[in-house]
């Protein structure tokens, strides 16, 4: 399920919420994003996502090999 998140810095980040445990997501359930700018705001977005319905959420770089 895709979603656009707005960071505290005003930027928008396309993210993909995933509820499955997959090998390419080494942190388990979480959010993957393919925007380099999101890496610099990972902590900010993680704070905004805390308490999300999926449970603990972490931001990890999206694997370019995945569609």
N, C-alpha and C. Protein backbone atom coordinates (compact mmCIF):
# COMPACT_ATOMS: atom_id res chain seq x y z
N UNK A 1 0.85 -1.16 0.00
CA UNK A 1 0.00 0.00 0.00
C UNK A 1 0.90 1.23 0.00
N UNK A 2 0.73 2.06 -0.99
CA UNK A 2 1.59 3.23 -1.16
C UNK A 2 0.98 4.44 -0.45
N UNK A 3 1.84 5.34 -0.05
CA UNK A 3 1.39 6.51 0.69
C UNK A 3 2.38 7.64 0.49
N UNK A 4 1.91 8.87 0.54
CA UNK A 4 2.80 10.03 0.49
C UNK A 4 2.85 10.62 1.90
N UNK A 5 4.05 10.73 2.43
CA UNK A 5 4.22 11.32 3.75
C UNK A 5 4.88 12.68 3.61
N UNK A 6 4.45 13.64 4.41
CA UNK A 6 5.08 14.96 4.41
C UNK A 6 5.96 15.05 5.66
N UNK A 7 7.24 15.29 5.44
CA UNK A 7 8.16 15.41 6.55
C UNK A 7 8.02 16.75 7.24
N UNK A 8 8.62 16.88 8.41
CA UNK A 8 8.58 18.14 9.14
C UNK A 8 9.31 19.24 8.39
N UNK A 9 10.19 18.85 7.45
CA UNK A 9 10.91 19.83 6.65
C UNK A 9 10.09 20.28 5.44
N UNK A 10 8.85 19.79 5.30
CA UNK A 10 7.98 20.22 4.22
C UNK A 10 8.07 19.38 2.96
N UNK A 11 9.05 18.49 2.88
CA UNK A 11 9.18 17.63 1.70
C UNK A 11 8.17 16.50 1.75
N UNK A 12 7.82 16.01 0.55
CA UNK A 12 6.92 14.86 0.48
C UNK A 12 7.73 13.63 0.10
N UNK A 13 7.41 12.51 0.73
CA UNK A 13 8.14 11.27 0.50
C UNK A 13 7.18 10.16 0.14
N UNK A 14 7.32 9.59 -1.09
CA UNK A 14 6.50 8.42 -1.41
C UNK A 14 7.05 7.22 -0.65
N UNK A 15 6.21 6.55 0.09
CA UNK A 15 6.65 5.37 0.83
C UNK A 15 5.70 4.21 0.58
N UNK A 16 6.21 3.04 0.79
CA UNK A 16 5.42 1.83 0.61
C UNK A 16 5.33 1.15 1.97
N UNK A 17 4.13 1.02 2.49
CA UNK A 17 3.94 0.34 3.77
C UNK A 17 3.79 -1.14 3.49
N UNK A 18 4.53 -1.94 4.20
CA UNK A 18 4.41 -3.38 3.98
C UNK A 18 4.26 -4.08 5.31
N UNK A 19 3.35 -5.04 5.33
CA UNK A 19 3.06 -5.75 6.57
C UNK A 19 3.67 -7.14 6.58
N UNK A 20 4.35 -7.51 5.52
CA UNK A 20 4.93 -8.86 5.47
C UNK A 20 6.40 -8.80 5.85
N UNK A 21 6.92 -9.93 6.28
CA UNK A 21 8.34 -10.03 6.60
C UNK A 21 9.04 -10.59 5.37
N UNK A 22 9.86 -9.79 4.73
CA UNK A 22 10.52 -10.23 3.50
C UNK A 22 12.03 -10.12 3.66
N UNK A 23 12.79 -10.97 2.98
CA UNK A 23 14.24 -10.98 3.14
C UNK A 23 14.89 -9.64 2.80
N UNK A 24 14.35 -8.90 1.81
CA UNK A 24 14.99 -7.64 1.42
C UNK A 24 14.71 -6.52 2.41
N UNK A 25 13.78 -6.75 3.34
CA UNK A 25 13.51 -5.75 4.37
C UNK A 25 14.08 -6.30 5.67
N UNK A 26 15.35 -6.04 5.93
CA UNK A 26 16.04 -6.71 7.02
C UNK A 26 15.54 -6.31 8.40
N UNK A 27 14.72 -5.26 8.48
CA UNK A 27 14.19 -4.86 9.77
C UNK A 27 12.81 -5.43 10.03
N UNK A 28 12.30 -6.24 9.13
CA UNK A 28 10.96 -6.79 9.32
C UNK A 28 9.90 -5.81 8.84
N UNK A 29 8.76 -5.83 9.48
CA UNK A 29 7.66 -4.94 9.08
C UNK A 29 8.15 -3.49 9.07
N UNK A 30 7.75 -2.76 8.06
CA UNK A 30 8.19 -1.37 8.05
C UNK A 30 7.87 -0.65 6.77
N UNK A 31 8.56 0.42 6.56
CA UNK A 31 8.33 1.29 5.42
C UNK A 31 9.59 1.32 4.58
N UNK A 32 9.41 1.18 3.28
CA UNK A 32 10.55 1.30 2.37
C UNK A 32 10.31 2.53 1.50
N UNK A 33 11.35 3.26 1.22
CA UNK A 33 11.20 4.43 0.36
C UNK A 33 12.33 4.45 -0.64
N UNK A 34 12.05 4.96 -1.83
CA UNK A 34 13.07 5.00 -2.87
C UNK A 34 13.59 6.41 -3.11
N UNK A 35 13.31 7.35 -2.21
CA UNK A 35 13.79 8.71 -2.40
C UNK A 35 15.03 8.94 -1.55
N UNK A 36 16.14 9.35 -2.16
CA UNK A 36 17.36 9.60 -1.39
C UNK A 36 17.16 10.66 -0.31
N UNK A 37 16.29 11.64 -0.57
CA UNK A 37 16.07 12.69 0.42
C UNK A 37 15.46 12.13 1.70
N UNK A 38 14.75 11.01 1.59
CA UNK A 38 14.12 10.44 2.77
C UNK A 38 15.14 9.90 3.75
N UNK A 39 16.31 9.51 3.23
CA UNK A 39 17.33 8.95 4.11
C UNK A 39 17.76 9.99 5.14
N UNK A 40 17.88 11.26 4.70
CA UNK A 40 18.33 12.30 5.62
C UNK A 40 17.26 12.61 6.67
N UNK A 41 16.01 12.32 6.37
CA UNK A 41 14.92 12.60 7.31
C UNK A 41 14.33 11.33 7.91
N UNK A 42 15.10 10.24 7.86
CA UNK A 42 14.60 8.96 8.34
C UNK A 42 14.10 9.05 9.78
N UNK A 43 14.86 9.70 10.64
CA UNK A 43 14.46 9.79 12.05
C UNK A 43 13.20 10.63 12.21
N UNK A 44 13.09 11.70 11.44
CA UNK A 44 11.91 12.56 11.52
C UNK A 44 10.67 11.78 11.11
N UNK A 45 10.75 11.07 9.99
CA UNK A 45 9.60 10.31 9.51
C UNK A 45 9.27 9.16 10.46
N UNK A 46 10.29 8.53 11.01
CA UNK A 46 10.05 7.43 11.93
C UNK A 46 9.29 7.93 13.16
N UNK A 47 9.63 9.13 13.62
CA UNK A 47 8.91 9.69 14.76
C UNK A 47 7.45 9.95 14.40
N UNK A 48 7.19 10.43 13.18
CA UNK A 48 5.82 10.71 12.76
C UNK A 48 5.03 9.41 12.59
N UNK A 49 5.72 8.33 12.25
CA UNK A 49 5.04 7.06 12.01
C UNK A 49 4.87 6.22 13.27
N UNK A 50 5.50 6.64 14.36
CA UNK A 50 5.43 5.85 15.59
C UNK A 50 3.97 5.65 15.99
N UNK A 51 3.62 4.43 16.29
CA UNK A 51 2.25 4.14 16.66
C UNK A 51 1.35 3.83 15.47
N UNK A 52 1.96 3.66 14.28
CA UNK A 52 1.17 3.32 13.09
C UNK A 52 0.48 1.97 13.30
N UNK A 53 -0.58 1.74 12.55
CA UNK A 53 -1.38 0.52 12.71
C UNK A 53 -0.56 -0.75 12.50
N UNK A 54 0.52 -0.66 11.74
CA UNK A 54 1.33 -1.84 11.49
C UNK A 54 2.22 -2.18 12.69
N UNK A 55 2.23 -1.31 13.68
CA UNK A 55 3.09 -1.55 14.83
C UNK A 55 4.37 -0.74 14.68
N UNK A 56 5.47 -1.20 15.27
CA UNK A 56 6.72 -0.46 15.16
C UNK A 56 7.12 -0.31 13.69
N UNK A 57 7.46 0.89 13.30
CA UNK A 57 7.76 1.16 11.89
C UNK A 57 9.16 1.73 11.79
N UNK A 58 9.92 1.23 10.84
CA UNK A 58 11.25 1.78 10.56
C UNK A 58 11.32 2.11 9.08
N UNK A 59 12.17 3.06 8.74
CA UNK A 59 12.39 3.40 7.34
C UNK A 59 13.68 2.74 6.89
N UNK A 60 13.62 2.03 5.79
CA UNK A 60 14.81 1.42 5.23
C UNK A 60 14.86 1.76 3.75
N UNK A 61 16.05 1.90 3.17
CA UNK A 61 16.14 2.20 1.75
C UNK A 61 15.47 1.10 0.93
N UNK A 62 14.74 1.49 -0.10
CA UNK A 62 14.07 0.51 -0.95
C UNK A 62 15.10 -0.20 -1.81
N UNK A 63 14.97 -1.50 -1.89
CA UNK A 63 15.87 -2.30 -2.71
C UNK A 63 15.56 -2.04 -4.18
N UNK A 64 16.53 -1.49 -4.96
CA UNK A 64 16.25 -1.19 -6.37
C UNK A 64 15.92 -2.43 -7.19
N UNK A 65 16.28 -3.61 -6.71
CA UNK A 65 16.00 -4.84 -7.46
C UNK A 65 14.53 -5.22 -7.37
N UNK A 66 13.82 -4.66 -6.39
CA UNK A 66 12.40 -4.98 -6.24
C UNK A 66 11.56 -4.03 -7.09
N UNK A 67 10.49 -4.52 -7.71
CA UNK A 67 9.65 -3.64 -8.54
C UNK A 67 8.90 -2.61 -7.72
